[in-house]
């Protein structure tokens, strides 16, 4: 009976398919202003991590802050490539100032927000604790 309960509780956390879920937004989007800033508070926004099914072999979530597409802001998207983690100072032709631009790459569902502890980690920890107490 305990084993059945454990298997049932673990299947709640197993996802069908192999597609990663990422936040996909731009801070320059005028239809949803202030939803894709550099720091996302998942409780205060309307956007959620979405499946990256439109990107072939998507395995990474990317967060790009700084200068892109002619403006300043934050962009979150899916990628099949690991773009690494780095920051550069960029000065476009005609600019008088340098702008800091950073790229962050991660490979777990919803990891391109700004929250450090994810629900997946909490669920995994809870599953291991249940397994430990059942096996005693």
N, C-alpha and C. Protein backbone atom coordinates (compact mmCIF):
# COMPACT_ATOMS: atom_id res chain seq x y z
N UNK A 1 0.83 -1.19 0.00
CA UNK A 1 0.00 0.00 0.00
C UNK A 1 0.88 1.26 0.00
N UNK A 2 1.94 1.25 0.83
CA UNK A 2 2.81 2.42 0.89
C UNK A 2 3.51 2.64 -0.44
N UNK A 3 3.90 1.55 -1.10
CA UNK A 3 4.57 1.67 -2.39
C UNK A 3 3.62 2.27 -3.42
N UNK A 4 2.36 1.85 -3.40
CA UNK A 4 1.38 2.40 -4.34
C UNK A 4 1.18 3.90 -4.11
N UNK A 5 1.16 4.29 -2.85
CA UNK A 5 1.00 5.70 -2.52
C UNK A 5 2.21 6.51 -3.02
N UNK A 6 3.39 5.96 -2.85
CA UNK A 6 4.60 6.63 -3.31
C UNK A 6 4.60 6.77 -4.83
N UNK A 7 4.28 5.70 -5.54
CA UNK A 7 4.25 5.74 -7.00
C UNK A 7 3.21 6.74 -7.49
N UNK A 8 2.06 6.76 -6.85
CA UNK A 8 1.01 7.70 -7.23
C UNK A 8 1.45 9.14 -7.00
N UNK A 9 2.09 9.41 -5.88
CA UNK A 9 2.53 10.78 -5.60
C UNK A 9 3.65 11.22 -6.54
N UNK A 10 4.51 10.31 -6.95
CA UNK A 10 5.59 10.66 -7.87
C UNK A 10 5.09 10.89 -9.29
N UNK A 11 4.05 10.17 -9.70
CA UNK A 11 3.53 10.35 -11.05
C UNK A 11 2.91 11.72 -11.25
N UNK A 12 2.54 12.37 -10.19
CA UNK A 12 2.01 13.74 -10.30
C UNK A 12 3.08 14.66 -10.86
N UNK A 13 4.33 14.39 -10.58
CA UNK A 13 5.43 15.26 -10.98
C UNK A 13 6.09 14.86 -12.29
N UNK A 14 5.70 13.76 -12.87
CA UNK A 14 6.28 13.31 -14.13
C UNK A 14 5.52 13.96 -15.28
N UNK A 15 6.25 14.55 -16.19
CA UNK A 15 5.63 15.23 -17.33
C UNK A 15 5.67 14.33 -18.55
N UNK A 16 4.65 14.45 -19.37
CA UNK A 16 4.60 13.72 -20.62
C UNK A 16 5.35 14.54 -21.67
N UNK A 17 6.18 13.88 -22.47
CA UNK A 17 6.92 14.59 -23.51
C UNK A 17 8.30 14.99 -23.03
N UNK A 18 9.03 15.60 -23.95
CA UNK A 18 10.42 15.96 -23.66
C UNK A 18 10.67 17.44 -23.86
N UNK A 19 9.64 18.24 -23.84
CA UNK A 19 9.76 19.67 -24.13
C UNK A 19 10.00 20.46 -22.84
N UNK A 20 10.98 21.33 -22.86
CA UNK A 20 11.26 22.19 -21.71
C UNK A 20 10.27 23.36 -21.71
N UNK A 21 9.91 23.84 -20.54
CA UNK A 21 9.05 25.01 -20.39
C UNK A 21 9.91 26.20 -19.98
N UNK A 22 9.75 27.31 -20.69
CA UNK A 22 10.51 28.52 -20.39
C UNK A 22 9.59 29.73 -20.37
N UNK A 23 10.02 30.76 -19.64
CA UNK A 23 9.35 32.05 -19.76
C UNK A 23 9.72 32.60 -21.12
N UNK A 24 8.73 33.11 -21.85
CA UNK A 24 8.94 33.63 -23.19
C UNK A 24 8.28 35.00 -23.28
N UNK A 25 9.08 36.04 -23.13
CA UNK A 25 8.52 37.39 -23.10
C UNK A 25 9.60 38.42 -23.40
N UNK A 26 9.16 39.66 -23.61
CA UNK A 26 10.05 40.80 -23.84
C UNK A 26 9.56 41.96 -23.02
N UNK A 27 10.46 42.65 -22.38
CA UNK A 27 10.05 43.81 -21.58
C UNK A 27 9.60 44.97 -22.47
N UNK A 28 9.92 44.90 -23.75
CA UNK A 28 9.50 45.95 -24.68
C UNK A 28 8.11 45.70 -25.25
N UNK A 29 7.45 44.62 -24.83
CA UNK A 29 6.11 44.28 -25.30
C UNK A 29 5.11 45.27 -24.71
N UNK A 30 4.49 46.07 -25.54
CA UNK A 30 3.57 47.10 -25.06
C UNK A 30 2.21 46.54 -24.65
N UNK A 31 1.86 45.32 -25.09
CA UNK A 31 0.57 44.75 -24.71
C UNK A 31 0.58 44.23 -23.28
N UNK A 32 1.74 43.86 -22.76
CA UNK A 32 1.88 43.40 -21.37
C UNK A 32 3.04 44.12 -20.70
N UNK A 33 2.91 45.43 -20.48
CA UNK A 33 4.04 46.15 -19.88
C UNK A 33 4.32 45.69 -18.45
N UNK A 34 5.57 45.74 -18.07
CA UNK A 34 6.04 45.42 -16.71
C UNK A 34 5.88 43.94 -16.36
N UNK A 35 5.61 43.08 -17.32
CA UNK A 35 5.46 41.66 -17.03
C UNK A 35 6.77 40.90 -17.23
N UNK A 36 7.72 41.49 -17.90
CA UNK A 36 8.95 40.77 -18.24
C UNK A 36 10.17 41.61 -17.87
N UNK A 37 10.18 42.14 -16.68
CA UNK A 37 11.32 42.93 -16.23
C UNK A 37 12.48 42.01 -15.89
N UNK A 38 13.60 42.59 -15.51
CA UNK A 38 14.78 41.79 -15.19
C UNK A 38 14.50 40.81 -14.05
N UNK A 39 13.75 41.25 -13.05
CA UNK A 39 13.42 40.38 -11.92
C UNK A 39 11.93 40.08 -11.95
N UNK A 40 11.58 38.80 -12.04
CA UNK A 40 10.19 38.38 -12.08
C UNK A 40 9.79 37.84 -10.72
N UNK A 41 8.69 38.36 -10.20
CA UNK A 41 8.06 37.78 -9.02
C UNK A 41 6.90 36.95 -9.54
N UNK A 42 7.04 35.63 -9.51
CA UNK A 42 6.06 34.74 -10.13
C UNK A 42 4.65 34.91 -9.58
N UNK A 43 4.52 35.47 -8.38
CA UNK A 43 3.19 35.66 -7.80
C UNK A 43 2.51 36.93 -8.31
N UNK A 44 3.27 37.86 -8.88
CA UNK A 44 2.72 39.15 -9.28
C UNK A 44 2.60 39.34 -10.79
N UNK A 45 2.79 38.29 -11.56
CA UNK A 45 2.73 38.46 -13.01
C UNK A 45 1.69 37.53 -13.62
N UNK A 46 1.29 37.85 -14.83
CA UNK A 46 0.31 37.03 -15.54
C UNK A 46 0.95 36.02 -16.46
N UNK A 47 2.23 36.18 -16.75
CA UNK A 47 2.88 35.23 -17.66
C UNK A 47 3.35 34.01 -16.88
N UNK A 48 3.35 32.89 -17.55
CA UNK A 48 3.80 31.62 -16.98
C UNK A 48 4.80 30.99 -17.94
N UNK A 49 5.59 30.08 -17.42
CA UNK A 49 6.50 29.33 -18.29
C UNK A 49 5.65 28.50 -19.25
N UNK A 50 6.04 28.50 -20.52
CA UNK A 50 5.29 27.82 -21.57
C UNK A 50 6.16 26.79 -22.26
N UNK A 51 5.54 25.74 -22.84
CA UNK A 51 6.32 24.74 -23.57
C UNK A 51 7.06 25.36 -24.76
N UNK A 52 8.25 24.89 -25.00
CA UNK A 52 9.08 25.41 -26.10
C UNK A 52 8.92 24.55 -27.35
N UNK A 53 7.72 24.08 -27.60
CA UNK A 53 7.48 23.16 -28.71
C UNK A 53 7.72 23.79 -30.08
N UNK A 54 7.75 25.12 -30.17
CA UNK A 54 7.99 25.77 -31.46
C UNK A 54 9.48 25.87 -31.81
N UNK A 55 10.35 25.53 -30.87
CA UNK A 55 11.80 25.57 -31.12
C UNK A 55 12.31 24.13 -31.20
N UNK A 56 12.82 23.75 -32.36
CA UNK A 56 13.29 22.39 -32.58
C UNK A 56 14.41 22.04 -31.61
N UNK A 57 14.26 20.94 -30.89
CA UNK A 57 15.22 20.44 -29.91
C UNK A 57 15.56 21.46 -28.82
N UNK A 58 14.57 22.24 -28.42
CA UNK A 58 14.80 23.23 -27.35
C UNK A 58 15.16 22.50 -26.06
N UNK A 59 16.28 22.85 -25.49
CA UNK A 59 16.74 22.23 -24.25
C UNK A 59 17.17 23.27 -23.22
N UNK A 60 17.13 24.55 -23.61
CA UNK A 60 17.62 25.61 -22.73
C UNK A 60 16.64 26.78 -22.68
N UNK A 61 16.63 27.42 -21.53
CA UNK A 61 15.91 28.68 -21.35
C UNK A 61 16.96 29.78 -21.25
N UNK A 62 16.69 30.90 -21.89
CA UNK A 62 17.64 32.01 -21.93
C UNK A 62 17.00 33.26 -21.34
N UNK A 63 17.79 33.98 -20.56
CA UNK A 63 17.39 35.30 -20.08
C UNK A 63 18.46 36.28 -20.56
N UNK A 64 18.06 37.26 -21.36
CA UNK A 64 18.99 38.25 -21.91
C UNK A 64 18.57 39.61 -21.37
N UNK A 65 19.46 40.25 -20.64
CA UNK A 65 19.19 41.59 -20.12
C UNK A 65 20.17 42.57 -20.75
N UNK A 66 19.72 43.79 -20.94
CA UNK A 66 20.59 44.81 -21.50
C UNK A 66 20.08 45.33 -22.81
N UNK A 67 20.96 45.45 -23.76
CA UNK A 67 20.63 46.05 -25.05
C UNK A 67 20.34 44.97 -26.07
N UNK A 68 19.16 45.03 -26.67
CA UNK A 68 18.80 44.12 -27.75
C UNK A 68 17.71 44.78 -28.60
N UNK A 69 17.71 44.47 -29.86
CA UNK A 69 16.70 44.96 -30.80
C UNK A 69 16.52 46.47 -30.73
N UNK A 70 17.61 47.20 -30.57
CA UNK A 70 17.55 48.65 -30.57
C UNK A 70 17.07 49.30 -29.29
N UNK A 71 16.89 48.53 -28.23
CA UNK A 71 16.42 49.11 -26.98
C UNK A 71 17.07 48.47 -25.78
N UNK A 72 16.65 48.88 -24.62
CA UNK A 72 17.13 48.30 -23.36
C UNK A 72 15.99 47.52 -22.73
N UNK A 73 16.31 46.40 -22.11
CA UNK A 73 15.27 45.63 -21.45
C UNK A 73 15.70 44.21 -21.19
N UNK A 74 14.70 43.36 -21.06
CA UNK A 74 14.91 41.94 -20.77
C UNK A 74 14.11 41.12 -21.76
N UNK A 75 14.71 40.04 -22.20
CA UNK A 75 14.06 39.12 -23.13
C UNK A 75 14.29 37.71 -22.62
N UNK A 76 13.23 36.92 -22.55
CA UNK A 76 13.32 35.52 -22.13
C UNK A 76 12.80 34.65 -23.27
N UNK A 77 13.54 33.57 -23.57
CA UNK A 77 13.15 32.75 -24.71
C UNK A 77 13.74 31.34 -24.60
N UNK A 78 13.33 30.48 -25.54
CA UNK A 78 13.80 29.09 -25.62
C UNK A 78 14.94 29.00 -26.63
N UNK A 79 15.81 28.02 -26.43
CA UNK A 79 16.92 27.84 -27.36
C UNK A 79 17.33 26.37 -27.41
N UNK A 80 17.77 25.94 -28.58
CA UNK A 80 18.34 24.61 -28.72
C UNK A 80 19.84 24.63 -28.42
N UNK A 81 20.40 25.84 -28.28
CA UNK A 81 21.83 26.00 -28.03
C UNK A 81 22.08 26.54 -26.63
N UNK A 82 23.16 26.08 -26.02
CA UNK A 82 23.61 26.62 -24.74
C UNK A 82 24.40 27.89 -25.05
N UNK A 83 23.82 29.05 -24.72
CA UNK A 83 24.48 30.32 -25.02
C UNK A 83 25.45 30.75 -23.94
N UNK A 84 25.55 29.98 -22.87
CA UNK A 84 26.49 30.28 -21.80
C UNK A 84 25.96 31.32 -20.83
N UNK A 85 26.82 31.74 -19.92
CA UNK A 85 26.50 32.75 -18.92
C UNK A 85 27.62 33.79 -18.94
N UNK A 86 27.29 35.00 -19.35
CA UNK A 86 28.32 36.03 -19.44
C UNK A 86 27.67 37.41 -19.49
N UNK A 87 28.47 38.41 -19.24
CA UNK A 87 28.07 39.81 -19.38
C UNK A 87 29.14 40.54 -20.19
N UNK A 88 28.71 41.45 -21.03
CA UNK A 88 29.60 42.29 -21.83
C UNK A 88 29.14 43.73 -21.74
N UNK A 89 30.05 44.63 -21.99
CA UNK A 89 29.69 46.04 -22.14
C UNK A 89 29.68 46.35 -23.63
N UNK A 90 28.54 46.87 -24.09
CA UNK A 90 28.32 47.07 -25.52
C UNK A 90 28.13 48.55 -25.80
N UNK A 91 28.78 49.01 -26.87
CA UNK A 91 28.58 50.38 -27.32
C UNK A 91 28.28 50.33 -28.81
N UNK A 92 27.06 50.67 -29.17
CA UNK A 92 26.64 50.67 -30.57
C UNK A 92 27.20 51.91 -31.27
N UNK A 93 27.39 51.86 -32.58
CA UNK A 93 27.84 53.05 -33.31
C UNK A 93 26.88 54.22 -33.05
N UNK A 94 27.43 55.35 -32.70
CA UNK A 94 26.62 56.53 -32.41
C UNK A 94 26.26 56.69 -30.94
N UNK A 95 26.43 55.63 -30.14
CA UNK A 95 26.14 55.72 -28.70
C UNK A 95 27.28 56.42 -27.98
N UNK A 96 26.94 57.18 -26.96
CA UNK A 96 27.96 57.81 -26.12
C UNK A 96 28.24 56.98 -24.88
N UNK A 97 27.31 56.11 -24.52
CA UNK A 97 27.44 55.30 -23.32
C UNK A 97 27.63 53.83 -23.67
N UNK A 98 28.25 53.10 -22.75
CA UNK A 98 28.31 51.65 -22.86
C UNK A 98 27.16 51.07 -22.05
N UNK A 99 26.61 49.98 -22.53
CA UNK A 99 25.51 49.32 -21.84
C UNK A 99 25.92 47.91 -21.46
N UNK A 100 25.56 47.51 -20.25
CA UNK A 100 25.86 46.15 -19.79
C UNK A 100 24.79 45.23 -20.35
N UNK A 101 25.21 44.17 -20.98
CA UNK A 101 24.31 43.18 -21.57
C UNK A 101 24.72 41.81 -21.04
N UNK A 102 23.76 41.08 -20.47
CA UNK A 102 24.06 39.77 -19.87
C UNK A 102 23.18 38.69 -20.48
N UNK A 103 23.74 37.50 -20.60
CA UNK A 103 23.02 36.32 -21.06
C UNK A 103 23.16 35.25 -19.99
N UNK A 104 22.03 34.65 -19.61
CA UNK A 104 22.01 33.57 -18.63
C UNK A 104 21.32 32.38 -19.28
N UNK A 105 21.93 31.21 -19.22
CA UNK A 105 21.39 29.99 -19.81
C UNK A 105 21.14 28.97 -18.71
N UNK A 106 20.00 28.29 -18.78
CA UNK A 106 19.69 27.23 -17.81
C UNK A 106 18.91 26.13 -18.53
N UNK A 107 18.73 25.00 -17.87
CA UNK A 107 18.14 23.85 -18.57
C UNK A 107 17.07 23.11 -17.78
N UNK A 108 16.32 23.83 -16.96
CA UNK A 108 15.19 23.19 -16.27
C UNK A 108 13.94 24.05 -16.46
N UNK A 109 12.79 23.45 -16.29
CA UNK A 109 11.53 24.15 -16.53
C UNK A 109 11.42 25.44 -15.74
N UNK A 110 11.11 26.52 -16.42
CA UNK A 110 10.87 27.80 -15.78
C UNK A 110 12.07 28.43 -15.12
N UNK A 111 13.26 28.00 -15.48
CA UNK A 111 14.47 28.46 -14.78
C UNK A 111 14.91 29.85 -15.19
N UNK A 112 14.32 30.44 -16.22
CA UNK A 112 14.77 31.76 -16.65
C UNK A 112 13.95 32.90 -16.05
N UNK A 113 13.38 32.64 -14.87
CA UNK A 113 12.78 33.73 -14.10
C UNK A 113 13.90 34.30 -13.23
N UNK A 114 13.56 34.84 -12.08
CA UNK A 114 14.62 35.31 -11.18
C UNK A 114 14.49 34.68 -9.80
N UNK A 115 13.57 33.74 -9.65
CA UNK A 115 13.36 33.09 -8.36
C UNK A 115 14.41 31.99 -8.20
N UNK A 116 15.02 31.91 -7.02
CA UNK A 116 16.11 30.97 -6.81
C UNK A 116 15.64 29.55 -6.52
N UNK A 117 14.63 29.39 -5.69
CA UNK A 117 14.15 28.05 -5.33
C UNK A 117 12.91 27.76 -6.15
N UNK A 118 12.95 26.70 -6.90
CA UNK A 118 11.87 26.35 -7.80
C UNK A 118 10.95 25.31 -7.16
N UNK A 119 9.67 25.29 -7.56
CA UNK A 119 8.75 24.27 -7.06
C UNK A 119 9.22 22.86 -7.39
N UNK A 120 9.92 22.68 -8.51
CA UNK A 120 10.41 21.35 -8.88
C UNK A 120 11.40 20.85 -7.83
N UNK A 121 12.29 21.73 -7.37
CA UNK A 121 13.24 21.35 -6.34
C UNK A 121 12.52 20.96 -5.06
N UNK A 122 11.52 21.73 -4.68
CA UNK A 122 10.75 21.44 -3.48
C UNK A 122 10.04 20.10 -3.62
N UNK A 123 9.46 19.83 -4.77
CA UNK A 123 8.77 18.56 -5.01
C UNK A 123 9.74 17.39 -4.95
N UNK A 124 10.91 17.56 -5.53
CA UNK A 124 11.91 16.51 -5.51
C UNK A 124 12.37 16.22 -4.08
N UNK A 125 12.60 17.27 -3.32
CA UNK A 125 13.00 17.11 -1.93
C UNK A 125 11.92 16.39 -1.14
N UNK A 126 10.67 16.77 -1.34
CA UNK A 126 9.55 16.13 -0.65
C UNK A 126 9.46 14.65 -1.03
N UNK A 127 9.66 14.32 -2.30
CA UNK A 127 9.62 12.93 -2.74
C UNK A 127 10.70 12.09 -2.07
N UNK A 128 11.91 12.64 -1.97
CA UNK A 128 12.99 11.91 -1.31
C UNK A 128 12.71 11.72 0.19
N UNK A 129 12.12 12.71 0.81
CA UNK A 129 11.78 12.59 2.23
C UNK A 129 10.73 11.50 2.44
N UNK A 130 9.72 11.45 1.57
CA UNK A 130 8.69 10.42 1.67
C UNK A 130 9.32 9.05 1.48
N UNK A 131 10.17 8.92 0.47
CA UNK A 131 10.84 7.65 0.21
C UNK A 131 11.68 7.22 1.40
N UNK A 132 12.38 8.15 2.02
CA UNK A 132 13.21 7.84 3.18
C UNK A 132 12.36 7.31 4.34
N UNK A 133 11.25 7.98 4.63
CA UNK A 133 10.42 7.56 5.75
C UNK A 133 9.67 6.26 5.48
N UNK A 134 9.31 6.00 4.23
CA UNK A 134 8.63 4.75 3.90
C UNK A 134 9.59 3.57 4.00
N UNK A 135 10.84 3.78 3.63
CA UNK A 135 11.81 2.68 3.63
C UNK A 135 12.30 2.31 5.02
N UNK A 136 11.96 3.07 6.03
CA UNK A 136 12.41 2.78 7.40
C UNK A 136 11.64 1.66 8.02
